[in-house]
PDB file of N, CA and C in Angstrom:
ATOM      1  N   UNK A   1     -26.183  -5.291   5.074  1.00  0.00           N
ATOM      2  CA  UNK A   1     -24.856  -4.738   5.051  1.00  0.00           C
ATOM      3  C   UNK A   1     -24.661  -3.876   3.817  1.00  0.00           C
ATOM      4  N   UNK A   2     -25.141  -4.328   2.648  1.00  0.00           N
ATOM      5  CA  UNK A   2     -24.991  -3.569   1.422  1.00  0.00           C
ATOM      6  C   UNK A   2     -26.193  -2.654   1.189  1.00  0.00           C
ATOM      7  N   UNK A   3     -27.182  -2.699   2.081  1.00  0.00           N
ATOM      8  CA  UNK A   3     -28.370  -1.887   1.908  1.00  0.00           C
ATOM      9  C   UNK A   3     -28.063  -0.401   2.049  1.00  0.00           C
ATOM     10  N   UNK A   4     -26.946  -0.052   2.662  1.00  0.00           N
ATOM     11  CA  UNK A   4     -26.598   1.343   2.885  1.00  0.00           C
ATOM     12  C   UNK A   4     -25.649   1.875   1.815  1.00  0.00           C
ATOM     13  N   UNK A   5     -25.844   1.487   0.574  1.00  0.00           N
ATOM     14  CA  UNK A   5     -24.998   1.982  -0.506  1.00  0.00           C
ATOM     15  C   UNK A   5     -25.223   3.479  -0.683  1.00  0.00           C
ATOM     16  N   UNK A   6     -24.142   4.213  -0.856  1.00  0.00           N
ATOM     17  CA  UNK A   6     -24.272   5.629  -1.162  1.00  0.00           C
ATOM     18  C   UNK A   6     -24.603   5.778  -2.633  1.00  0.00           C
ATOM     19  N   UNK A   7     -24.962   6.981  -3.052  1.00  0.00           N
ATOM     20  CA  UNK A   7     -25.354   7.213  -4.436  1.00  0.00           C
ATOM     21  C   UNK A   7     -24.238   6.864  -5.409  1.00  0.00           C
ATOM     22  N   UNK A   8     -22.980   7.027  -5.006  1.00  0.00           N
ATOM     23  CA  UNK A   8     -21.848   6.779  -5.890  1.00  0.00           C
ATOM     24  C   UNK A   8     -21.216   5.411  -5.692  1.00  0.00           C
ATOM     25  N   UNK A   9     -21.734   4.616  -4.771  1.00  0.00           N
ATOM     26  CA  UNK A   9     -21.117   3.320  -4.478  1.00  0.00           C
ATOM     27  C   UNK A   9     -21.808   2.210  -5.250  1.00  0.00           C
ATOM     28  N   UNK A  10     -21.010   1.439  -5.966  1.00  0.00           N
ATOM     29  CA  UNK A  10     -21.535   0.308  -6.725  1.00  0.00           C
ATOM     30  C   UNK A  10     -21.516  -0.932  -5.836  1.00  0.00           C
ATOM     31  N   UNK A  11     -22.241  -1.970  -6.212  1.00  0.00           N
ATOM     32  CA  UNK A  11     -22.158  -3.210  -5.439  1.00  0.00           C
ATOM     33  C   UNK A  11     -20.735  -3.741  -5.358  1.00  0.00           C
ATOM     34  N   UNK A  12     -19.945  -3.578  -6.442  1.00  0.00           N
ATOM     35  CA  UNK A  12     -18.557  -4.042  -6.433  1.00  0.00           C
ATOM     36  C   UNK A  12     -17.743  -3.283  -5.392  1.00  0.00           C
ATOM     37  N   UNK A  13     -17.879  -1.961  -5.353  1.00  0.00           N
ATOM     38  CA  UNK A  13     -17.096  -1.199  -4.379  1.00  0.00           C
ATOM     39  C   UNK A  13     -17.571  -1.491  -2.957  1.00  0.00           C
ATOM     40  N   UNK A  14     -18.861  -1.759  -2.794  1.00  0.00           N
ATOM     41  CA  UNK A  14     -19.364  -2.130  -1.472  1.00  0.00           C
ATOM     42  C   UNK A  14     -18.781  -3.475  -1.045  1.00  0.00           C
ATOM     43  N   UNK A  15     -18.718  -4.433  -1.983  1.00  0.00           N
ATOM     44  CA  UNK A  15     -18.120  -5.734  -1.683  1.00  0.00           C
ATOM     45  C   UNK A  15     -16.667  -5.552  -1.287  1.00  0.00           C
ATOM     46  N   UNK A  16     -15.929  -4.754  -2.047  1.00  0.00           N
ATOM     47  CA  UNK A  16     -14.521  -4.533  -1.746  1.00  0.00           C
ATOM     48  C   UNK A  16     -14.349  -3.840  -0.392  1.00  0.00           C
ATOM     49  N   UNK A  17     -15.247  -2.915  -0.071  1.00  0.00           N
ATOM     50  CA  UNK A  17     -15.201  -2.222   1.224  1.00  0.00           C
ATOM     51  C   UNK A  17     -15.399  -3.229   2.359  1.00  0.00           C
ATOM     52  N   UNK A  18     -16.385  -4.100   2.214  1.00  0.00           N
ATOM     53  CA  UNK A  18     -16.665  -5.086   3.259  1.00  0.00           C
ATOM     54  C   UNK A  18     -15.523  -6.099   3.341  1.00  0.00           C
ATOM     55  N   UNK A  19     -15.029  -6.565   2.180  1.00  0.00           N
ATOM     56  CA  UNK A  19     -13.917  -7.516   2.189  1.00  0.00           C
ATOM     57  C   UNK A  19     -12.696  -6.879   2.845  1.00  0.00           C
ATOM     58  N   UNK A  20     -12.450  -5.593   2.576  1.00  0.00           N
ATOM     59  CA  UNK A  20     -11.337  -4.888   3.199  1.00  0.00           C
ATOM     60  C   UNK A  20     -11.485  -4.840   4.714  1.00  0.00           C
ATOM     61  N   UNK A  21     -12.701  -4.595   5.176  1.00  0.00           N
ATOM     62  CA  UNK A  21     -12.940  -4.567   6.620  1.00  0.00           C
ATOM     63  C   UNK A  21     -12.685  -5.935   7.243  1.00  0.00           C
ATOM     64  N   UNK A  22     -13.110  -6.983   6.542  1.00  0.00           N
ATOM     65  CA  UNK A  22     -12.862  -8.346   7.038  1.00  0.00           C
ATOM     66  C   UNK A  22     -11.358  -8.628   7.069  1.00  0.00           C
ATOM     67  N   UNK A  23     -10.651  -8.204   6.019  1.00  0.00           N
ATOM     68  CA  UNK A  23      -9.202  -8.425   5.963  1.00  0.00           C
ATOM     69  C   UNK A  23      -8.503  -7.705   7.113  1.00  0.00           C
ATOM     70  N   UNK A  24      -8.927  -6.491   7.414  1.00  0.00           N
ATOM     71  CA  UNK A  24      -8.328  -5.750   8.523  1.00  0.00           C
ATOM     72  C   UNK A  24      -8.610  -6.459   9.847  1.00  0.00           C
ATOM     73  N   UNK A  25      -9.843  -6.916  10.027  1.00  0.00           N
ATOM     74  CA  UNK A  25     -10.183  -7.630  11.263  1.00  0.00           C
ATOM     75  C   UNK A  25      -9.343  -8.893  11.411  1.00  0.00           C
ATOM     76  N   UNK A  26      -9.182  -9.619  10.299  1.00  0.00           N
ATOM     77  CA  UNK A  26      -8.364 -10.828  10.355  1.00  0.00           C
ATOM     78  C   UNK A  26      -6.910 -10.494  10.669  1.00  0.00           C
ATOM     79  N   UNK A  27      -6.407  -9.420  10.093  1.00  0.00           N
ATOM     80  CA  UNK A  27      -5.026  -9.012  10.363  1.00  0.00           C
ATOM     81  C   UNK A  27      -4.854  -8.673  11.838  1.00  0.00           C
ATOM     82  N   UNK A  28      -5.831  -7.988  12.417  1.00  0.00           N
ATOM     83  CA  UNK A  28      -5.764  -7.672  13.844  1.00  0.00           C
ATOM     84  C   UNK A  28      -5.775  -8.947  14.687  1.00  0.00           C
ATOM     85  N   UNK A  29      -6.622  -9.889  14.305  1.00  0.00           N
ATOM     86  CA  UNK A  29      -6.651 -11.153  15.043  1.00  0.00           C
ATOM     87  C   UNK A  29      -5.324 -11.896  14.940  1.00  0.00           C
ATOM     88  N   UNK A  30      -4.740 -11.867  13.755  1.00  0.00           N
ATOM     89  CA  UNK A  30      -3.448 -12.533  13.578  1.00  0.00           C
ATOM     90  C   UNK A  30      -2.361 -11.849  14.390  1.00  0.00           C
ATOM     91  N   UNK A  31      -2.385 -10.524  14.442  1.00  0.00           N
ATOM     92  CA  UNK A  31      -1.403  -9.804  15.247  1.00  0.00           C
ATOM     93  C   UNK A  31      -1.574 -10.110  16.726  1.00  0.00           C
ATOM     94  N   UNK A  32      -2.822 -10.269  17.174  1.00  0.00           N
ATOM     95  CA  UNK A  32      -3.072 -10.584  18.575  1.00  0.00           C
ATOM     96  C   UNK A  32      -2.539 -11.965  18.921  1.00  0.00           C
ATOM     97  N   UNK A  33      -2.488 -12.837  17.931  1.00  0.00           N
ATOM     98  CA  UNK A  33      -1.977 -14.186  18.170  1.00  0.00           C
ATOM     99  C   UNK A  33      -0.462 -14.200  18.294  1.00  0.00           C
ATOM    100  N   UNK A  34       0.189 -13.054  18.130  1.00  0.00           N
ATOM    101  CA  UNK A  34       1.639 -12.897  18.268  1.00  0.00           C
ATOM    102  C   UNK A  34       2.437 -13.835  17.383  1.00  0.00           C
ATOM    103  N   UNK A  35       1.860 -14.158  16.237  1.00  0.00           N
ATOM    104  CA  UNK A  35       2.587 -14.996  15.292  1.00  0.00           C
ATOM    105  C   UNK A  35       2.739 -16.441  15.719  1.00  0.00           C
ATOM    106  N   UNK A  36       1.982 -16.889  16.675  1.00  0.00           N
ATOM    107  CA  UNK A  36       2.103 -18.268  17.166  1.00  0.00           C
ATOM    108  C   UNK A  36       1.266 -19.196  16.307  1.00  0.00           C
ATOM    109  N   UNK A  37       1.607 -19.289  15.024  1.00  0.00           N
ATOM    110  CA  UNK A  37       0.829 -20.090  14.099  1.00  0.00           C
ATOM    111  C   UNK A  37       0.883 -21.569  14.452  1.00  0.00           C
ATOM    112  N   UNK A  38       1.986 -22.047  14.898  1.00  0.00           N
ATOM    113  CA  UNK A  38       2.104 -23.465  15.219  1.00  0.00           C
ATOM    114  C   UNK A  38       1.252 -23.830  16.418  1.00  0.00           C
ATOM    115  N   UNK A  39       0.970 -22.847  17.289  1.00  0.00           N
ATOM    116  CA  UNK A  39       0.191 -23.127  18.486  1.00  0.00           C
ATOM    117  C   UNK A  39      -1.306 -22.968  18.260  1.00  0.00           C
ATOM    118  N   UNK A  40      -1.700 -22.390  17.114  1.00  0.00           N
ATOM    119  CA  UNK A  40      -3.123 -22.154  16.893  1.00  0.00           C
ATOM    120  C   UNK A  40      -3.825 -23.462  16.568  1.00  0.00           C
ATOM    121  N   UNK A  41      -5.139 -23.479  16.778  1.00  0.00           N
ATOM    122  CA  UNK A  41      -5.906 -24.678  16.474  1.00  0.00           C
ATOM    123  C   UNK A  41      -6.421 -24.655  15.037  1.00  0.00           C
ATOM    124  N   UNK A  42      -6.152 -23.576  14.305  1.00  0.00           N
ATOM    125  CA  UNK A  42      -6.597 -23.491  12.917  1.00  0.00           C
ATOM    126  C   UNK A  42      -5.800 -24.462  12.054  1.00  0.00           C
ATOM    127  N   UNK A  43      -6.471 -25.110  11.101  1.00  0.00           N
ATOM    128  CA  UNK A  43      -5.750 -26.005  10.195  1.00  0.00           C
ATOM    129  C   UNK A  43      -4.759 -25.217   9.342  1.00  0.00           C
ATOM    130  N   UNK A  44      -3.504 -25.613   9.375  1.00  0.00           N
ATOM    131  CA  UNK A  44      -2.455 -24.908   8.643  1.00  0.00           C
ATOM    132  C   UNK A  44      -1.602 -25.894   7.861  1.00  0.00           C
ATOM    133  N   UNK A  45      -1.103 -25.444   6.725  1.00  0.00           N
ATOM    134  CA  UNK A  45      -0.198 -26.210   5.884  1.00  0.00           C
ATOM    135  C   UNK A  45       0.424 -25.240   4.885  1.00  0.00           C
ATOM    136  N   UNK A  46       1.151 -25.750   3.910  1.00  0.00           N
ATOM    137  CA  UNK A  46       1.688 -24.869   2.879  1.00  0.00           C
ATOM    138  C   UNK A  46       0.538 -24.364   2.011  1.00  0.00           C
ATOM    139  N   UNK A  47       0.746 -23.221   1.358  1.00  0.00           N
ATOM    140  CA  UNK A  47      -0.310 -22.679   0.504  1.00  0.00           C
ATOM    141  C   UNK A  47      -0.626 -23.640  -0.633  1.00  0.00           C
ATOM    142  N   UNK A  48       0.400 -24.238  -1.226  1.00  0.00           N
ATOM    143  CA  UNK A  48       0.184 -25.185  -2.318  1.00  0.00           C
ATOM    144  C   UNK A  48      -0.730 -26.315  -1.881  1.00  0.00           C
ATOM    145  N   UNK A  49      -0.443 -26.887  -0.731  1.00  0.00           N
ATOM    146  CA  UNK A  49      -1.255 -27.987  -0.200  1.00  0.00           C
ATOM    147  C   UNK A  49      -2.669 -27.509   0.139  1.00  0.00           C
ATOM    148  N   UNK A  50      -2.780 -26.298   0.694  1.00  0.00           N
ATOM    149  CA  UNK A  50      -4.093 -25.750   1.050  1.00  0.00           C
ATOM    150  C   UNK A  50      -4.956 -25.581  -0.201  1.00  0.00           C
ATOM    151  N   UNK A  51      -4.386 -25.035  -1.262  1.00  0.00           N
ATOM    152  CA  UNK A  51      -5.130 -24.849  -2.514  1.00  0.00           C
ATOM    153  C   UNK A  51      -5.559 -26.203  -3.079  1.00  0.00           C
ATOM    154  N   UNK A  52      -4.674 -27.185  -3.019  1.00  0.00           N
ATOM    155  CA  UNK A  52      -5.023 -28.534  -3.484  1.00  0.00           C
ATOM    156  C   UNK A  52      -6.176 -29.115  -2.672  1.00  0.00           C
ATOM    157  N   UNK A  53      -6.115 -28.958  -1.368  1.00  0.00           N
ATOM    158  CA  UNK A  53      -7.158 -29.508  -0.492  1.00  0.00           C
ATOM    159  C   UNK A  53      -8.510 -28.823  -0.744  1.00  0.00           C
ATOM    160  N   UNK A  54      -8.509 -27.500  -0.813  1.00  0.00           N
ATOM    161  CA  UNK A  54      -9.765 -26.773  -1.023  1.00  0.00           C
ATOM    162  C   UNK A  54     -10.350 -27.083  -2.397  1.00  0.00           C
ATOM    163  N   UNK A  55      -9.487 -27.217  -3.397  1.00  0.00           N
ATOM    164  CA  UNK A  55      -9.958 -27.549  -4.735  1.00  0.00           C
ATOM    165  C   UNK A  55     -10.453 -28.983  -4.839  1.00  0.00           C
ATOM    166  N   UNK A  56      -9.711 -29.903  -4.239  1.00  0.00           N
ATOM    167  CA  UNK A  56     -10.060 -31.317  -4.323  1.00  0.00           C
ATOM    168  C   UNK A  56     -11.274 -31.703  -3.504  1.00  0.00           C
ATOM    169  N   UNK A  57     -11.347 -31.234  -2.284  1.00  0.00           N
ATOM    170  CA  UNK A  57     -12.446 -31.633  -1.391  1.00  0.00           C
ATOM    171  C   UNK A  57     -13.726 -30.834  -1.612  1.00  0.00           C
ATOM    172  N   UNK A  58     -13.587 -29.532  -1.922  1.00  0.00           N
ATOM    173  CA  UNK A  58     -14.757 -28.659  -1.974  1.00  0.00           C
ATOM    174  C   UNK A  58     -14.945 -27.957  -3.314  1.00  0.00           C
ATOM    175  N   UNK A  59     -14.074 -28.203  -4.279  1.00  0.00           N
ATOM    176  CA  UNK A  59     -14.114 -27.542  -5.592  1.00  0.00           C
ATOM    177  C   UNK A  59     -14.070 -26.022  -5.437  1.00  0.00           C
ATOM    178  N   UNK A  60     -13.301 -25.548  -4.457  1.00  0.00           N
ATOM    179  CA  UNK A  60     -13.183 -24.110  -4.216  1.00  0.00           C
ATOM    180  C   UNK A  60     -11.960 -23.545  -4.936  1.00  0.00           C
ATOM    181  N   UNK A  61     -12.127 -22.348  -5.467  1.00  0.00           N
ATOM    182  CA  UNK A  61     -11.038 -21.618  -6.109  1.00  0.00           C
ATOM    183  C   UNK A  61     -11.013 -20.199  -5.559  1.00  0.00           C
ATOM    184  N   UNK A  62      -9.866 -19.522  -5.611  1.00  0.00           N
ATOM    185  CA  UNK A  62      -9.788 -18.161  -5.077  1.00  0.00           C
ATOM    186  C   UNK A  62     -10.579 -17.174  -5.931  1.00  0.00           C
ATOM    187  N   UNK A  63     -11.350 -16.295  -5.271  1.00  0.00           N
ATOM    188  CA  UNK A  63     -12.107 -15.275  -5.992  1.00  0.00           C
ATOM    189  C   UNK A  63     -11.730 -13.862  -5.564  1.00  0.00           C
ATOM    190  N   UNK A  64     -11.051 -13.726  -4.426  1.00  0.00           N
ATOM    191  CA  UNK A  64     -10.650 -12.395  -3.959  1.00  0.00           C
ATOM    192  C   UNK A  64      -9.437 -12.544  -3.062  1.00  0.00           C
ATOM    193  N   UNK A  65      -8.626 -11.482  -3.000  1.00  0.00           N
ATOM    194  CA  UNK A  65      -7.451 -11.505  -2.134  1.00  0.00           C
ATOM    195  C   UNK A  65      -7.093 -10.086  -1.725  1.00  0.00           C
ATOM    196  N   UNK A  66      -6.342  -9.991  -0.663  1.00  0.00           N
ATOM    197  CA  UNK A  66      -5.873  -8.704  -0.180  1.00  0.00           C
ATOM    198  C   UNK A  66      -4.659  -8.899   0.706  1.00  0.00           C
ATOM    199  N   UNK A  67      -3.867  -7.868   0.835  1.00  0.00           N
ATOM    200  CA  UNK A  67      -2.659  -7.916   1.652  1.00  0.00           C
ATOM    201  C   UNK A  67      -2.953  -7.295   3.011  1.00  0.00           C
ATOM    202  N   UNK A  68      -2.764  -8.064   4.069  1.00  0.00           N
ATOM    203  CA  UNK A  68      -2.979  -7.575   5.429  1.00  0.00           C
ATOM    204  C   UNK A  68      -1.799  -6.704   5.858  1.00  0.00           C
ATOM    205  N   UNK A  69      -2.021  -5.873   6.853  1.00  0.00           N
ATOM    206  CA  UNK A  69      -0.970  -4.965   7.308  1.00  0.00           C
ATOM    207  C   UNK A  69       0.236  -5.695   7.875  1.00  0.00           C
ATOM    208  N   UNK A  70       0.049  -6.931   8.323  1.00  0.00           N
ATOM    209  CA  UNK A  70       1.176  -7.688   8.866  1.00  0.00           C
ATOM    210  C   UNK A  70       1.924  -8.468   7.786  1.00  0.00           C
ATOM    211  N   UNK A  71       1.574  -8.240   6.511  1.00  0.00           N
ATOM    212  CA  UNK A  71       2.242  -8.912   5.406  1.00  0.00           C
ATOM    213  C   UNK A  71       1.586 -10.199   4.977  1.00  0.00           C
ATOM    214  N   UNK A  72       0.547 -10.630   5.668  1.00  0.00           N
ATOM    215  CA  UNK A  72      -0.155 -11.854   5.301  1.00  0.00           C
ATOM    216  C   UNK A  72      -1.047 -11.635   4.091  1.00  0.00           C
ATOM    217  N   UNK A  73      -1.185 -12.664   3.283  1.00  0.00           N
ATOM    218  CA  UNK A  73      -2.075 -12.638   2.131  1.00  0.00           C
ATOM    219  C   UNK A  73      -3.397 -13.260   2.546  1.00  0.00           C
ATOM    220  N   UNK A  74      -4.479 -12.501   2.492  1.00  0.00           N
ATOM    221  CA  UNK A  74      -5.813 -12.975   2.845  1.00  0.00           C
ATOM    222  C   UNK A  74      -6.521 -13.343   1.548  1.00  0.00           C
ATOM    223  N   UNK A  75      -7.043 -14.572   1.471  1.00  0.00           N
ATOM    224  CA  UNK A  75      -7.721 -15.026   0.255  1.00  0.00           C
ATOM    225  C   UNK A  75      -9.076 -15.621   0.589  1.00  0.00           C
ATOM    226  N   UNK A  76     -10.021 -15.353  -0.289  1.00  0.00           N
ATOM    227  CA  UNK A  76     -11.350 -15.934  -0.182  1.00  0.00           C
ATOM    228  C   UNK A  76     -11.519 -16.949  -1.297  1.00  0.00           C
ATOM    229  N   UNK A  77     -11.847 -18.190  -0.933  1.00  0.00           N
ATOM    230  CA  UNK A  77     -12.106 -19.269  -1.877  1.00  0.00           C
ATOM    231  C   UNK A  77     -13.591 -19.598  -1.823  1.00  0.00           C
ATOM    232  N   UNK A  78     -14.203 -19.889  -2.968  1.00  0.00           N
ATOM    233  CA  UNK A  78     -15.583 -20.374  -2.983  1.00  0.00           C
ATOM    234  C   UNK A  78     -15.727 -21.442  -4.055  1.00  0.00           C
ATOM    235  N   UNK A  79     -16.744 -22.267  -3.882  1.00  0.00           N
ATOM    236  CA  UNK A  79     -17.110 -23.200  -4.942  1.00  0.00           C
ATOM    237  C   UNK A  79     -17.927 -22.421  -5.970  1.00  0.00           C
ATOM    238  N   UNK A  80     -18.002 -22.915  -7.202  1.00  0.00           N
ATOM    239  CA  UNK A  80     -18.728 -22.201  -8.264  1.00  0.00           C
ATOM    240  C   UNK A  80     -20.183 -21.949  -7.913  1.00  0.00           C
ATOM    241  N   UNK A  81     -20.814 -22.893  -7.235  1.00  0.00           N
ATOM    242  CA  UNK A  81     -22.225 -22.733  -6.884  1.00  0.00           C
ATOM    243  C   UNK A  81     -22.422 -22.012  -5.551  1.00  0.00           C
ATOM    244  N   UNK A  82     -21.339 -21.645  -4.881  1.00  0.00           N
ATOM    245  CA  UNK A  82     -21.435 -20.935  -3.611  1.00  0.00           C
ATOM    246  C   UNK A  82     -21.803 -21.808  -2.436  1.00  0.00           C
ATOM    247  N   UNK A  83     -21.824 -23.126  -2.642  1.00  0.00           N
ATOM    248  CA  UNK A  83     -22.224 -24.026  -1.557  1.00  0.00           C
ATOM    249  C   UNK A  83     -21.273 -23.916  -0.368  1.00  0.00           C
ATOM    250  N   UNK A  84     -19.966 -23.721  -0.632  1.00  0.00           N
ATOM    251  CA  UNK A  84     -18.987 -23.588   0.448  1.00  0.00           C
ATOM    252  C   UNK A  84     -18.047 -22.427   0.160  1.00  0.00           C
ATOM    253  N   UNK A  85     -17.443 -21.885   1.225  1.00  0.00           N
ATOM    254  CA  UNK A  85     -16.439 -20.836   1.105  1.00  0.00           C
ATOM    255  C   UNK A  85     -15.435 -20.977   2.236  1.00  0.00           C
ATOM    256  N   UNK A  86     -14.218 -20.472   1.997  1.00  0.00           N
ATOM    257  CA  UNK A  86     -13.143 -20.544   2.979  1.00  0.00           C
ATOM    258  C   UNK A  86     -12.286 -19.290   2.871  1.00  0.00           C
ATOM    259  N   UNK A  87     -11.878 -18.748   4.013  1.00  0.00           N
ATOM    260  CA  UNK A  87     -10.924 -17.641   4.054  1.00  0.00           C
ATOM    261  C   UNK A  87      -9.633 -18.189   4.648  1.00  0.00           C
ATOM    262  N   UNK A  88      -8.524 -17.985   3.919  1.00  0.00           N
ATOM    263  CA  UNK A  88      -7.226 -18.402   4.434  1.00  0.00           C
ATOM    264  C   UNK A  88      -6.309 -17.188   4.523  1.00  0.00           C
ATOM    265  N   UNK A  89      -5.304 -17.308   5.376  1.00  0.00           N
ATOM    266  CA  UNK A  89      -4.250 -16.303   5.462  1.00  0.00           C
ATOM    267  C   UNK A  89      -2.925 -17.027   5.283  1.00  0.00           C
ATOM    268  N   UNK A  90      -2.110 -16.506   4.373  1.00  0.00           N
ATOM    269  CA  UNK A  90      -0.779 -17.053   4.138  1.00  0.00           C
ATOM    270  C   UNK A  90       0.234 -16.033   4.625  1.00  0.00           C
ATOM    271  N   UNK A  91       1.078 -16.444   5.557  1.00  0.00           N
ATOM    272  CA  UNK A  91       2.095 -15.546   6.112  1.00  0.00           C
ATOM    273  C   UNK A  91       3.315 -15.537   5.196  1.00  0.00           C
ATOM    274  N   UNK A  92       4.162 -14.511   5.295  1.00  0.00           N
ATOM    275  CA  UNK A  92       5.313 -14.411   4.401  1.00  0.00           C
ATOM    276  C   UNK A  92       6.188 -15.665   4.340  1.00  0.00           C
ATOM    277  N   UNK A  93       6.242 -16.459   5.381  1.00  0.00           N
ATOM    278  CA  UNK A  93       7.040 -17.683   5.367  1.00  0.00           C
ATOM    279  C   UNK A  93       6.428 -18.796   4.536  1.00  0.00           C
ATOM    280  N   UNK A  94       5.188 -18.636   4.087  1.00  0.00           N
ATOM    281  CA  UNK A  94       4.554 -19.630   3.229  1.00  0.00           C
ATOM    282  C   UNK A  94       3.495 -20.486   3.896  1.00  0.00           C
ATOM    283  N   UNK A  95       3.342 -20.410   5.206  1.00  0.00           N
ATOM    284  CA  UNK A  95       2.340 -21.198   5.930  1.00  0.00           C
ATOM    285  C   UNK A  95       0.956 -20.582   5.719  1.00  0.00           C
ATOM    286  N   UNK A  96      -0.032 -21.400   5.359  1.00  0.00           N
ATOM    287  CA  UNK A  96      -1.407 -20.942   5.177  1.00  0.00           C
ATOM    288  C   UNK A  96      -2.285 -21.567   6.239  1.00  0.00           C
ATOM    289  N   UNK A  97      -3.190 -20.758   6.787  1.00  0.00           N
ATOM    290  CA  UNK A  97      -4.119 -21.238   7.809  1.00  0.00           C
ATOM    291  C   UNK A  97      -5.546 -20.834   7.453  1.00  0.00           C
ATOM    292  N   UNK A  98      -6.484 -21.727   7.719  1.00  0.00           N
ATOM    293  CA  UNK A  98      -7.903 -21.411   7.547  1.00  0.00           C
ATOM    294  C   UNK A  98      -8.324 -20.572   8.743  1.00  0.00           C
ATOM    295  N   UNK A  99      -8.924 -19.414   8.467  1.00  0.00           N
ATOM    296  CA  UNK A  99      -9.389 -18.557   9.549  1.00  0.00           C
ATOM    297  C   UNK A  99     -10.906 -18.482   9.611  1.00  0.00           C
ATOM    298  N   UNK A 100     -11.589 -18.875   8.530  1.00  0.00           N
ATOM    299  CA  UNK A 100     -13.049 -18.907   8.526  1.00  0.00           C
ATOM    300  C   UNK A 100     -13.510 -19.783   7.369  1.00  0.00           C
ATOM    301  N   UNK A 101     -14.653 -20.423   7.548  1.00  0.00           N
ATOM    302  CA  UNK A 101     -15.239 -21.244   6.495  1.00  0.00           C
ATOM    303  C   UNK A 101     -16.737 -21.327   6.738  1.00  0.00           C
ATOM    304  N   UNK A 102     -17.477 -21.582   5.669  1.00  0.00           N
ATOM    305  CA  UNK A 102     -18.921 -21.668   5.828  1.00  0.00           C
ATOM    306  C   UNK A 102     -19.611 -22.148   4.576  1.00  0.00           C
ATOM    307  N   UNK A 103     -20.906 -21.888   4.526  1.00  0.00           N
ATOM    308  CA  UNK A 103     -21.755 -22.333   3.427  1.00  0.00           C
ATOM    309  C   UNK A 103     -22.545 -21.159   2.877  1.00  0.00           C
ATOM    310  N   UNK A 104     -23.137 -21.374   1.716  1.00  0.00           N
ATOM    311  CA  UNK A 104     -24.082 -20.434   1.091  1.00  0.00           C
ATOM    312  C   UNK A 104     -23.465 -19.073   0.799  1.00  0.00           C
ATOM    313  N   UNK A 105     -22.295 -19.075   0.158  1.00  0.00           N
ATOM    314  CA  UNK A 105     -21.677 -17.805  -0.233  1.00  0.00           C
ATOM    315  C   UNK A 105     -22.505 -17.162  -1.336  1.00  0.00           C
ATOM    316  N   UNK A 106     -22.702 -15.835  -1.243  1.00  0.00           N
ATOM    317  CA  UNK A 106     -23.430 -15.096  -2.266  1.00  0.00           C
ATOM    318  C   UNK A 106     -22.566 -13.941  -2.736  1.00  0.00           C
ATOM    319  N   UNK A 107     -22.312 -13.890  -4.019  1.00  0.00           N
ATOM    320  CA  UNK A 107     -21.557 -12.794  -4.610  1.00  0.00           C
ATOM    321  C   UNK A 107     -22.535 -11.653  -4.870  1.00  0.00           C
ATOM    322  N   UNK A 108     -22.394 -10.573  -4.159  1.00  0.00           N
ATOM    323  CA  UNK A 108     -23.328  -9.456  -4.264  1.00  0.00           C
ATOM    324  C   UNK A 108     -23.370  -8.849  -5.664  1.00  0.00           C
ATOM    325  N   UNK A 109     -22.281  -8.920  -6.400  1.00  0.00           N
ATOM    326  CA  UNK A 109     -22.289  -8.391  -7.764  1.00  0.00           C
ATOM    327  C   UNK A 109     -23.242  -9.184  -8.635  1.00  0.00           C
ATOM    328  N   UNK A 110     -23.272 -10.497  -8.482  1.00  0.00           N
ATOM    329  CA  UNK A 110     -24.181 -11.316  -9.276  1.00  0.00           C
ATOM    330  C   UNK A 110     -25.627 -11.073  -8.878  1.00  0.00           C
ATOM    331  N   UNK A 111     -25.884 -10.889  -7.613  1.00  0.00           N
ATOM    332  CA  UNK A 111     -27.235 -10.625  -7.134  1.00  0.00           C
ATOM    333  C   UNK A 111     -27.735  -9.302  -7.715  1.00  0.00           C
ATOM    334  N   UNK A 112     -26.874  -8.282  -7.706  1.00  0.00           N
ATOM    335  CA  UNK A 112     -27.256  -6.962  -8.204  1.00  0.00           C
ATOM    336  C   UNK A 112     -27.524  -6.987  -9.708  1.00  0.00           C
ATOM    337  N   UNK A 113     -26.778  -7.828 -10.452  1.00  0.00           N
ATOM    338  CA  UNK A 113     -26.947  -7.896 -11.895  1.00  0.00           C
ATOM    339  C   UNK A 113     -28.132  -8.781 -12.301  1.00  0.00           C
ATOM    340  N   UNK A 114     -28.599  -9.588 -11.408  1.00  0.00           N
ATOM    341  CA  UNK A 114     -29.711 -10.485 -11.721  1.00  0.00           C
ATOM    342  C   UNK A 114     -29.206 -11.784 -12.303  1.00  0.00           C
ATOM    343  N   UNK A 115     -30.120 -12.697 -12.609  1.00  0.00           N
ATOM    344  CA  UNK A 115     -29.716 -14.007 -13.130  1.00  0.00           C
ATOM    345  C   UNK A 115     -29.127 -13.887 -14.534  1.00  0.00           C
ATOM    346  N   UNK A 116     -28.210 -14.828 -14.817  1.00  0.00           N
ATOM    347  CA  UNK A 116     -27.607 -14.858 -16.153  1.00  0.00           C
ATOM    348  C   UNK A 116     -28.651 -15.331 -17.155  1.00  0.00           C
ATOM    349  N   UNK A 117     -28.582 -14.769 -18.330  1.00  0.00           N
ATOM    350  CA  UNK A 117     -29.539 -15.135 -19.381  1.00  0.00           C
ATOM    351  C   UNK A 117     -28.878 -16.035 -20.379  1.00  0.00           C
TER     352      UNK A 117
END
């Protein structure tokens, strides 16, 4: 995905470009759901509770965020070692829902810079 960097594109801008594309896709999916958050099968709660749960259970903290076109806040949480990651969307009313989660998150900026000395 990042192998097609242009001469002027840094790994950071490539990451932001890809994250932006993911945020747009998530916003489209949320719009298709017609705002029926209570009917979705995604785990949802208040943002405060969601942050507590992700931090307590998985040691995840937010590393990136963006505003979706529908007004939702899209956030990416990861653990420090990248073992787990979660994407949540918080709607203007305050409800947060998990829209994606997984393992083995890799920050492309760190990969491009090499190991810390």
